[in-house]
Amino acid sequence: MRILLVEDDTMIGEAIEGALKDAGYAVDWVNNDLTALAALAAQAYDQVLLDLGLPGRDGLGVLESIRAQDNPVPLLIITARNSLDDRLRGLDGGADDYLLKPFEMAELLARMRAVMRRKGGTAAPLLGNGVVSLDPVSKQASSDEAQDVQLSNREFGLLQALLIRPGAILSRSDLEDRLYGWGHEVESNAVEFLIHSLRKKLGSHIIKNVRGMGWMVSRGE
């Protein structure tokens, strides 16, 4: 999954960016309102982490602009503002959750997973399609051929991207966008290598190739 982090505090930004990368997310980090909105106009994100105390227009203004453009991207506010008014304005303005600083990174990651589950219309902690299941916490996957297989961060990210939208065909560029942030050099066969590795671990039928278009997992059985 690809995350847009909007945070102007360098120390906090570095800590969150590092934790997200360690958890297998691709992260683009910006520190002001204009760059955040430009990034959202140019790139599709799976989730936004938005600080409120930004230079220029604050985070509530950025949130208003995002929702005014009918952008449904899942959005989690991360802020030190703890007044009831700020929380109500954030949630009523279209944020999916509101997390107060300081927080533990484990809680941030859990909140992010919960937001994605709600957006996906499920309360289940596991992603699955009846053929393969994926645990976002442990990064283990299971199929009819293998149980509790530990995946690398990249393998996890690719399988997660497919399982979030079962039945949808994702092209190479779609998958690269979800696996790599700004400044990452992507080898031409990186996606094929990851798919080969996942098939070897979980079964050749897990991920289907759609010739000339990309890859998909089935809607389920």
C-alpha atoms as a PDB file:
ATOM      1  CA  MET A   1       0.000   0.000   0.000  1.00  0.00           C
ATOM      2  CA  ARG A   2       1.136   3.510  -0.762  1.00  0.00           C
ATOM      3  CA  ILE A   3       0.762   6.133   1.963  1.00  0.00           C
ATOM      4  CA  LEU A   4       0.922   9.919   1.806  1.00  0.00           C
ATOM      5  CA  LEU A   5       2.336  11.306   5.056  1.00  0.00           C
ATOM      6  CA  VAL A   6       1.643  15.018   5.598  1.00  0.00           C
ATOM      7  CA  GLU A   7       3.751  16.129   8.580  1.00  0.00           C
ATOM      8  CA  ASP A   8       5.899  19.238   9.032  1.00  0.00           C
ATOM      9  CA  ASP A   9       7.801  18.120  12.153  1.00  0.00           C
ATOM     10  CA  THR A  10      11.033  16.528  10.906  1.00  0.00           C
ATOM     11  CA  MET A  11      11.621  14.299  13.929  1.00  0.00           C
ATOM     12  CA  ILE A  12       8.052  12.970  13.944  1.00  0.00           C
ATOM     13  CA  GLY A  13       8.016  12.607  10.168  1.00  0.00           C
ATOM     14  CA  GLU A  14      11.216  10.586  10.142  1.00  0.00           C
ATOM     15  CA  ALA A  15       9.943   8.316  12.902  1.00  0.00           C
ATOM     16  CA  ILE A  16       6.612   7.656  11.184  1.00  0.00           C
ATOM     17  CA  GLU A  17       8.209   7.205   7.771  1.00  0.00           C
ATOM     18  CA  GLY A  18      10.658   4.675   9.182  1.00  0.00           C
ATOM     19  CA  ALA A  19       7.944   2.735  11.017  1.00  0.00           C
ATOM     20  CA  LEU A  20       5.747   2.595   7.921  1.00  0.00           C
ATOM     21  CA  LYS A  21       8.584   1.386   5.720  1.00  0.00           C
ATOM     22  CA  ASP A  22       9.490  -1.261   8.291  1.00  0.00           C
ATOM     23  CA  ALA A  23       5.857  -2.388   8.182  1.00  0.00           C
ATOM     24  CA  GLY A  24       6.012  -2.808   4.403  1.00  0.00           C
ATOM     25  CA  TYR A  25       4.320   0.391   3.244  1.00  0.00           C
ATOM     26  CA  ALA A  26       5.504   2.645   0.442  1.00  0.00           C
ATOM     27  CA  VAL A  27       5.624   6.208   1.822  1.00  0.00           C
ATOM     28  CA  ASP A  28       5.678   9.660   0.264  1.00  0.00           C
ATOM     29  CA  TRP A  29       6.347  12.330   2.906  1.00  0.00           C
ATOM     30  CA  VAL A  30       5.454  16.016   2.393  1.00  0.00           C
ATOM     31  CA  ASN A  31       5.479  18.855   4.896  1.00  0.00           C
ATOM     32  CA  ASN A  32       2.972  21.468   3.706  1.00  0.00           C
ATOM     33  CA  ASP A  33      -0.521  21.926   2.296  1.00  0.00           C
ATOM     34  CA  LEU A  34       0.401  22.787  -1.302  1.00  0.00           C
ATOM     35  CA  THR A  35       2.718  19.823  -1.786  1.00  0.00           C
ATOM     36  CA  ALA A  36       0.158  17.506  -0.205  1.00  0.00           C
ATOM     37  CA  LEU A  37      -2.602  18.585  -2.580  1.00  0.00           C
ATOM     38  CA  ALA A  38      -0.245  18.417  -5.569  1.00  0.00           C
ATOM     39  CA  ALA A  39       0.776  14.882  -4.602  1.00  0.00           C
ATOM     40  CA  LEU A  40      -2.852  13.792  -4.309  1.00  0.00           C
ATOM     41  CA  ALA A  41      -3.618  15.288  -7.720  1.00  0.00           C
ATOM     42  CA  ALA A  42      -0.751  13.389  -9.333  1.00  0.00           C
ATOM     43  CA  GLN A  43      -0.810  10.046  -7.509  1.00  0.00           C
ATOM     44  CA  ALA A  44      -3.392   7.590  -6.198  1.00  0.00           C
ATOM     45  CA  TYR A  45      -2.850   6.731  -2.535  1.00  0.00           C
ATOM     46  CA  ASP A  46      -4.276   3.967  -0.383  1.00  0.00           C
ATOM     47  CA  GLN A  47      -4.325   6.177   2.718  1.00  0.00           C
ATOM     48  CA  VAL A  48      -3.363   9.663   3.925  1.00  0.00           C
ATOM     49  CA  LEU A  49      -1.889  10.473   7.338  1.00  0.00           C
ATOM     50  CA  LEU A  50      -2.582  14.168   7.930  1.00  0.00           C
ATOM     51  CA  ASP A  51      -1.178  16.461  10.607  1.00  0.00           C
ATOM     52  CA  LEU A  52      -3.296  19.504  11.428  1.00  0.00           C
ATOM     53  CA  GLY A  53      -0.556  21.949  12.459  1.00  0.00           C
ATOM     54  CA  LEU A  54       0.875  22.640   9.014  1.00  0.00           C
ATOM     55  CA  PRO A  55       2.476  25.865   7.766  1.00  0.00           C
ATOM     56  CA  GLY A  56       0.180  27.813   5.471  1.00  0.00           C
ATOM     57  CA  ARG A  57      -3.277  26.305   5.360  1.00  0.00           C
ATOM     58  CA  ASP A  58      -3.749  23.894   8.256  1.00  0.00           C
ATOM     59  CA  GLY A  59      -4.712  20.243   7.992  1.00  0.00           C
ATOM     60  CA  LEU A  60      -8.431  20.915   8.322  1.00  0.00           C
ATOM     61  CA  GLY A  61      -8.214  23.113   5.245  1.00  0.00           C
ATOM     62  CA  VAL A  62      -6.351  20.379   3.370  1.00  0.00           C
ATOM     63  CA  LEU A  63      -9.020  17.871   4.429  1.00  0.00           C
ATOM     64  CA  GLU A  64     -11.750  20.210   3.180  1.00  0.00           C
ATOM     65  CA  SER A  65     -10.021  20.515  -0.213  1.00  0.00           C
ATOM     66  CA  ILE A  66      -9.585  16.744  -0.518  1.00  0.00           C
ATOM     67  CA  ARG A  67     -13.238  15.981   0.189  1.00  0.00           C
ATOM     68  CA  ALA A  68     -14.461  18.921  -1.925  1.00  0.00           C
ATOM     69  CA  GLN A  69     -12.851  17.162  -4.894  1.00  0.00           C
ATOM     70  CA  ASP A  70     -14.827  13.987  -4.057  1.00  0.00           C
ATOM     71  CA  ASN A  71     -11.590  12.162  -3.330  1.00  0.00           C
ATOM     72  CA  PRO A  72     -12.607   9.187  -1.131  1.00  0.00           C
ATOM     73  CA  VAL A  73      -9.045   8.299  -0.063  1.00  0.00           C
ATOM     74  CA  PRO A  74      -8.995   6.884   3.484  1.00  0.00           C
ATOM     75  CA  LEU A  75      -7.632   9.580   5.787  1.00  0.00           C
ATOM     76  CA  LEU A  76      -6.349   9.452   9.358  1.00  0.00           C
ATOM     77  CA  ILE A  77      -5.656  12.686  11.228  1.00  0.00           C
ATOM     78  CA  ILE A  78      -2.535  12.603  13.438  1.00  0.00           C
ATOM     79  CA  THR A  79      -2.261  15.673  15.637  1.00  0.00           C
ATOM     80  CA  ALA A  80      -1.512  17.141  19.053  1.00  0.00           C
ATOM     81  CA  ARG A  81      -4.770  19.131  18.954  1.00  0.00           C
ATOM     82  CA  ASN A  82      -6.962  17.471  21.542  1.00  0.00           C
ATOM     83  CA  SER A  83      -9.908  19.850  21.840  1.00  0.00           C
ATOM     84  CA  LEU A  84     -13.356  18.420  21.243  1.00  0.00           C
ATOM     85  CA  ASP A  85     -14.016  21.095  18.609  1.00  0.00           C
ATOM     86  CA  ASP A  86     -10.981  20.068  16.538  1.00  0.00           C
ATOM     87  CA  ARG A  87     -11.909  16.390  16.779  1.00  0.00           C
ATOM     88  CA  LEU A  88     -15.486  17.050  15.737  1.00  0.00           C
ATOM     89  CA  ARG A  89     -14.406  19.281  12.846  1.00  0.00           C
ATOM     90  CA  GLY A  90     -11.975  16.644  11.650  1.00  0.00           C
ATOM     91  CA  LEU A  91     -14.371  13.717  11.818  1.00  0.00           C
ATOM     92  CA  ASP A  92     -17.357  15.664  10.511  1.00  0.00           C
ATOM     93  CA  GLY A  93     -15.130  17.082   7.775  1.00  0.00           C
ATOM     94  CA  GLY A  94     -14.482  13.643   6.349  1.00  0.00           C
ATOM     95  CA  ALA A  95     -11.591  12.111   8.315  1.00  0.00           C
ATOM     96  CA  ASP A  96     -11.920   8.390   8.966  1.00  0.00           C
ATOM     97  CA  ASP A  97     -10.154   8.500  12.326  1.00  0.00           C
ATOM     98  CA  TYR A  98      -8.399  10.938  14.660  1.00  0.00           C
ATOM     99  CA  LEU A  99      -5.248   9.964  16.573  1.00  0.00           C
ATOM    100  CA  LEU A 100      -3.674  12.195  19.214  1.00  0.00           C
ATOM    101  CA  LYS A 101       0.075  12.717  19.550  1.00  0.00           C
ATOM    102  CA  PRO A 102       2.107  11.338  21.147  1.00  0.00           C
ATOM    103  CA  PHE A 103       1.167   7.814  20.125  1.00  0.00           C
ATOM    104  CA  GLU A 104       2.837   4.433  19.858  1.00  0.00           C
ATOM    105  CA  MET A 105       3.635   3.326  16.316  1.00  0.00           C
ATOM    106  CA  ALA A 106       1.865   0.030  16.977  1.00  0.00           C
ATOM    107  CA  GLU A 107      -1.375   1.929  17.610  1.00  0.00           C
ATOM    108  CA  LEU A 108      -0.937   4.010  14.454  1.00  0.00           C
ATOM    109  CA  LEU A 109      -0.497   0.858  12.366  1.00  0.00           C
ATOM    110  CA  ALA A 110      -3.534  -0.755  14.006  1.00  0.00           C
ATOM    111  CA  ARG A 111      -5.650   2.349  13.339  1.00  0.00           C
ATOM    112  CA  MET A 112      -4.529   2.350   9.715  1.00  0.00           C
ATOM    113  CA  ARG A 113      -5.539  -1.291   9.312  1.00  0.00           C
ATOM    114  CA  ALA A 114      -8.919  -0.572  10.921  1.00  0.00           C
ATOM    115  CA  VAL A 115      -9.544   2.352   8.564  1.00  0.00           C
ATOM    116  CA  MET A 116      -8.768   0.156   5.559  1.00  0.00           C
ATOM    117  CA  ARG A 117     -11.116  -2.575   6.822  1.00  0.00           C
ATOM    118  CA  ARG A 118     -13.959  -0.103   7.253  1.00  0.00           C
ATOM    119  CA  LYS A 119     -13.366   1.381   3.815  1.00  0.00           C
ATOM    120  CA  GLY A 120     -13.369  -2.125   2.384  1.00  0.00           C
ATOM    121  CA  GLY A 121     -16.700  -2.882   4.038  1.00  0.00           C
ATOM    122  CA  THR A 122     -15.443  -5.651   6.304  1.00  0.00           C
ATOM    123  CA  ALA A 123     -14.787  -6.065  10.011  1.00  0.00           C
ATOM    124  CA  ALA A 124     -12.666  -9.175   9.515  1.00  0.00           C
ATOM    125  CA  PRO A 125      -8.997  -8.757  10.487  1.00  0.00           C
ATOM    126  CA  LEU A 126      -7.875 -11.014   7.606  1.00  0.00           C
ATOM    127  CA  LEU A 127      -7.945 -10.239   3.894  1.00  0.00           C
ATOM    128  CA  GLY A 128      -9.051 -13.124   1.731  1.00  0.00           C
ATOM    129  CA  ASN A 129     -11.004 -14.348  -1.258  1.00  0.00           C
ATOM    130  CA  GLY A 130     -11.728 -17.947  -0.306  1.00  0.00           C
ATOM    131  CA  VAL A 131      -8.566 -19.121  -2.053  1.00  0.00           C
ATOM    132  CA  VAL A 132      -5.874 -17.294  -0.113  1.00  0.00           C
ATOM    133  CA  SER A 133      -5.958 -15.341   3.156  1.00  0.00           C
ATOM    134  CA  LEU A 134      -3.566 -12.684   4.408  1.00  0.00           C
ATOM    135  CA  ASP A 135      -2.966 -11.445   7.938  1.00  0.00           C
ATOM    136  CA  PRO A 136      -1.944  -7.742   7.805  1.00  0.00           C
ATOM    137  CA  VAL A 137      -0.499  -7.908  11.319  1.00  0.00           C
ATOM    138  CA  SER A 138       1.795 -10.926  11.031  1.00  0.00           C
ATOM    139  CA  LYS A 139       2.266 -10.698   7.230  1.00  0.00           C
ATOM    140  CA  GLN A 140       1.497 -14.405   6.993  1.00  0.00           C
ATOM    141  CA  ALA A 141      -0.560 -15.914   4.184  1.00  0.00           C
ATOM    142  CA  SER A 142      -2.367 -19.234   3.877  1.00  0.00           C
ATOM    143  CA  SER A 143      -3.823 -21.187   0.974  1.00  0.00           C
ATOM    144  CA  ASP A 144      -5.019 -24.729   0.297  1.00  0.00           C
ATOM    145  CA  GLU A 145      -1.397 -25.632  -0.449  1.00  0.00           C
ATOM    146  CA  ALA A 146       0.396 -23.839   2.383  1.00  0.00           C
ATOM    147  CA  GLN A 147      -0.403 -22.531   5.859  1.00  0.00           C
ATOM    148  CA  ASP A 148       0.992 -19.556   7.783  1.00  0.00           C
ATOM    149  CA  VAL A 149       3.654 -18.684   5.228  1.00  0.00           C
ATOM    150  CA  GLN A 150       5.770 -15.700   6.237  1.00  0.00           C
ATOM    151  CA  LEU A 151       5.990 -13.099   3.464  1.00  0.00           C
ATOM    152  CA  SER A 152       8.585 -10.423   2.833  1.00  0.00           C
ATOM    153  CA  ASN A 153       7.449  -6.801   2.968  1.00  0.00           C
ATOM    154  CA  ARG A 154       7.281  -6.552  -0.824  1.00  0.00           C
ATOM    155  CA  GLU A 155       5.475  -9.885  -1.195  1.00  0.00           C
ATOM    156  CA  PHE A 156       2.998  -8.796   1.452  1.00  0.00           C
ATOM    157  CA  GLY A 157       2.451  -5.423  -0.228  1.00  0.00           C
ATOM    158  CA  LEU A 158       1.766  -6.965  -3.627  1.00  0.00           C
ATOM    159  CA  LEU A 159      -0.631  -9.626  -2.337  1.00  0.00           C
ATOM    160  CA  GLN A 160      -2.399  -7.064  -0.168  1.00  0.00           C
ATOM    161  CA  ALA A 161      -2.894  -4.743  -3.167  1.00  0.00           C
ATOM    162  CA  LEU A 162      -4.536  -7.571  -5.106  1.00  0.00           C
ATOM    163  CA  LEU A 163      -6.692  -8.819  -2.216  1.00  0.00           C
ATOM    164  CA  ILE A 164      -8.045  -5.352  -1.451  1.00  0.00           C
ATOM    165  CA  ARG A 165      -9.682  -5.469  -4.902  1.00  0.00           C
ATOM    166  CA  PRO A 166     -10.355  -9.120  -5.785  1.00  0.00           C
ATOM    167  CA  GLY A 167     -11.447  -9.512  -9.372  1.00  0.00           C
ATOM    168  CA  ALA A 168      -9.772  -6.258 -10.449  1.00  0.00           C
ATOM    169  CA  ILE A 169      -6.870  -6.409 -12.882  1.00  0.00           C
ATOM    170  CA  LEU A 170      -3.835  -4.449 -11.719  1.00  0.00           C
ATOM    171  CA  SER A 171      -1.162  -3.575 -14.264  1.00  0.00           C
ATOM    172  CA  ARG A 172       2.566  -3.535 -13.618  1.00  0.00           C
ATOM    173  CA  SER A 173       2.468   0.245 -13.090  1.00  0.00           C
ATOM    174  CA  ASP A 174      -0.509  -0.113 -10.706  1.00  0.00           C
ATOM    175  CA  LEU A 175       1.422  -2.566  -8.560  1.00  0.00           C
ATOM    176  CA  GLU A 176       4.650  -0.571  -8.715  1.00  0.00           C
ATOM    177  CA  ASP A 177       2.742   2.503  -7.527  1.00  0.00           C
ATOM    178  CA  ARG A 178       1.569   0.603  -4.449  1.00  0.00           C
ATOM    179  CA  LEU A 179       4.965  -0.903  -3.657  1.00  0.00           C
ATOM    180  CA  TYR A 180       7.415   1.946  -4.203  1.00  0.00           C
ATOM    181  CA  GLY A 181       7.484   5.551  -3.005  1.00  0.00           C
ATOM    182  CA  TRP A 182       9.243   8.547  -4.516  1.00  0.00           C
ATOM    183  CA  GLY A 183      12.905   8.125  -5.296  1.00  0.00           C
ATOM    184  CA  HIS A 184      12.894   4.337  -5.412  1.00  0.00           C
ATOM    185  CA  GLU A 185      14.470   2.795  -8.475  1.00  0.00           C
ATOM    186  CA  VAL A 186      12.287  -0.070  -9.676  1.00  0.00           C
ATOM    187  CA  GLU A 187      13.854  -2.940 -11.608  1.00  0.00           C
ATOM    188  CA  SER A 188      11.952  -3.848 -14.758  1.00  0.00           C
ATOM    189  CA  ASN A 189      11.133  -7.384 -13.598  1.00  0.00           C
ATOM    190  CA  ALA A 190      10.469  -6.597  -9.909  1.00  0.00           C
ATOM    191  CA  VAL A 191       6.720  -7.304 -10.066  1.00  0.00           C
ATOM    192  CA  GLU A 192       7.175 -10.553 -11.997  1.00  0.00           C
ATOM    193  CA  PHE A 193       9.791 -11.695  -9.498  1.00  0.00           C
ATOM    194  CA  LEU A 194       7.456 -11.078  -6.551  1.00  0.00           C
ATOM    195  CA  ILE A 195       4.556 -12.854  -8.242  1.00  0.00           C
ATOM    196  CA  HIS A 196       6.792 -15.830  -9.017  1.00  0.00           C
ATOM    197  CA  SER A 197       7.869 -15.946  -5.379  1.00  0.00           C
ATOM    198  CA  LEU A 198       4.267 -15.780  -4.089  1.00  0.00           C
ATOM    199  CA  ARG A 199       3.157 -18.543  -6.457  1.00  0.00           C
ATOM    200  CA  LYS A 200       6.049 -20.703  -5.330  1.00  0.00           C
ATOM    201  CA  LYS A 201       5.120 -20.218  -1.666  1.00  0.00           C
ATOM    202  CA  LEU A 202       1.324 -20.391  -1.935  1.00  0.00           C
ATOM    203  CA  GLY A 203       0.453 -22.123  -5.196  1.00  0.00           C
ATOM    204  CA  SER A 204       0.530 -21.266  -8.883  1.00  0.00           C
ATOM    205  CA  HIS A 205      -3.250 -20.684  -8.953  1.00  0.00           C
ATOM    206  CA  ILE A 206      -3.179 -17.893  -6.359  1.00  0.00           C
ATOM    207  CA  ILE A 207      -2.434 -15.020  -8.762  1.00  0.00           C
ATOM    208  CA  LYS A 208      -3.804 -15.052 -12.287  1.00  0.00           C
ATOM    209  CA  ASN A 209      -2.084 -13.464 -15.261  1.00  0.00           C
ATOM    210  CA  VAL A 210      -4.320 -11.566 -17.686  1.00  0.00           C
ATOM    211  CA  ARG A 211      -2.305 -11.410 -20.878  1.00  0.00           C
ATOM    212  CA  GLY A 212      -1.376  -7.903 -21.933  1.00  0.00           C
ATOM    213  CA  MET A 213      -3.178  -6.317 -18.983  1.00  0.00           C
ATOM    214  CA  GLY A 214      -1.758  -7.412 -15.642  1.00  0.00           C
ATOM    215  CA  TRP A 215      -2.607  -9.674 -12.701  1.00  0.00           C
ATOM    216  CA  MET A 216      -5.549 -10.401 -10.433  1.00  0.00           C
ATOM    217  CA  VAL A 217      -6.852 -12.667  -7.705  1.00  0.00           C
ATOM    218  CA  SER A 218     -10.305 -14.205  -8.122  1.00  0.00           C
ATOM    219  CA  ARG A 219     -13.334 -12.782  -6.343  1.00  0.00           C
ATOM    220  CA  GLY A 220     -13.598 -15.906  -4.249  1.00  0.00           C
ATOM    221  CA  GLU A 221     -15.399 -19.168  -4.092  1.00  0.00           C
END
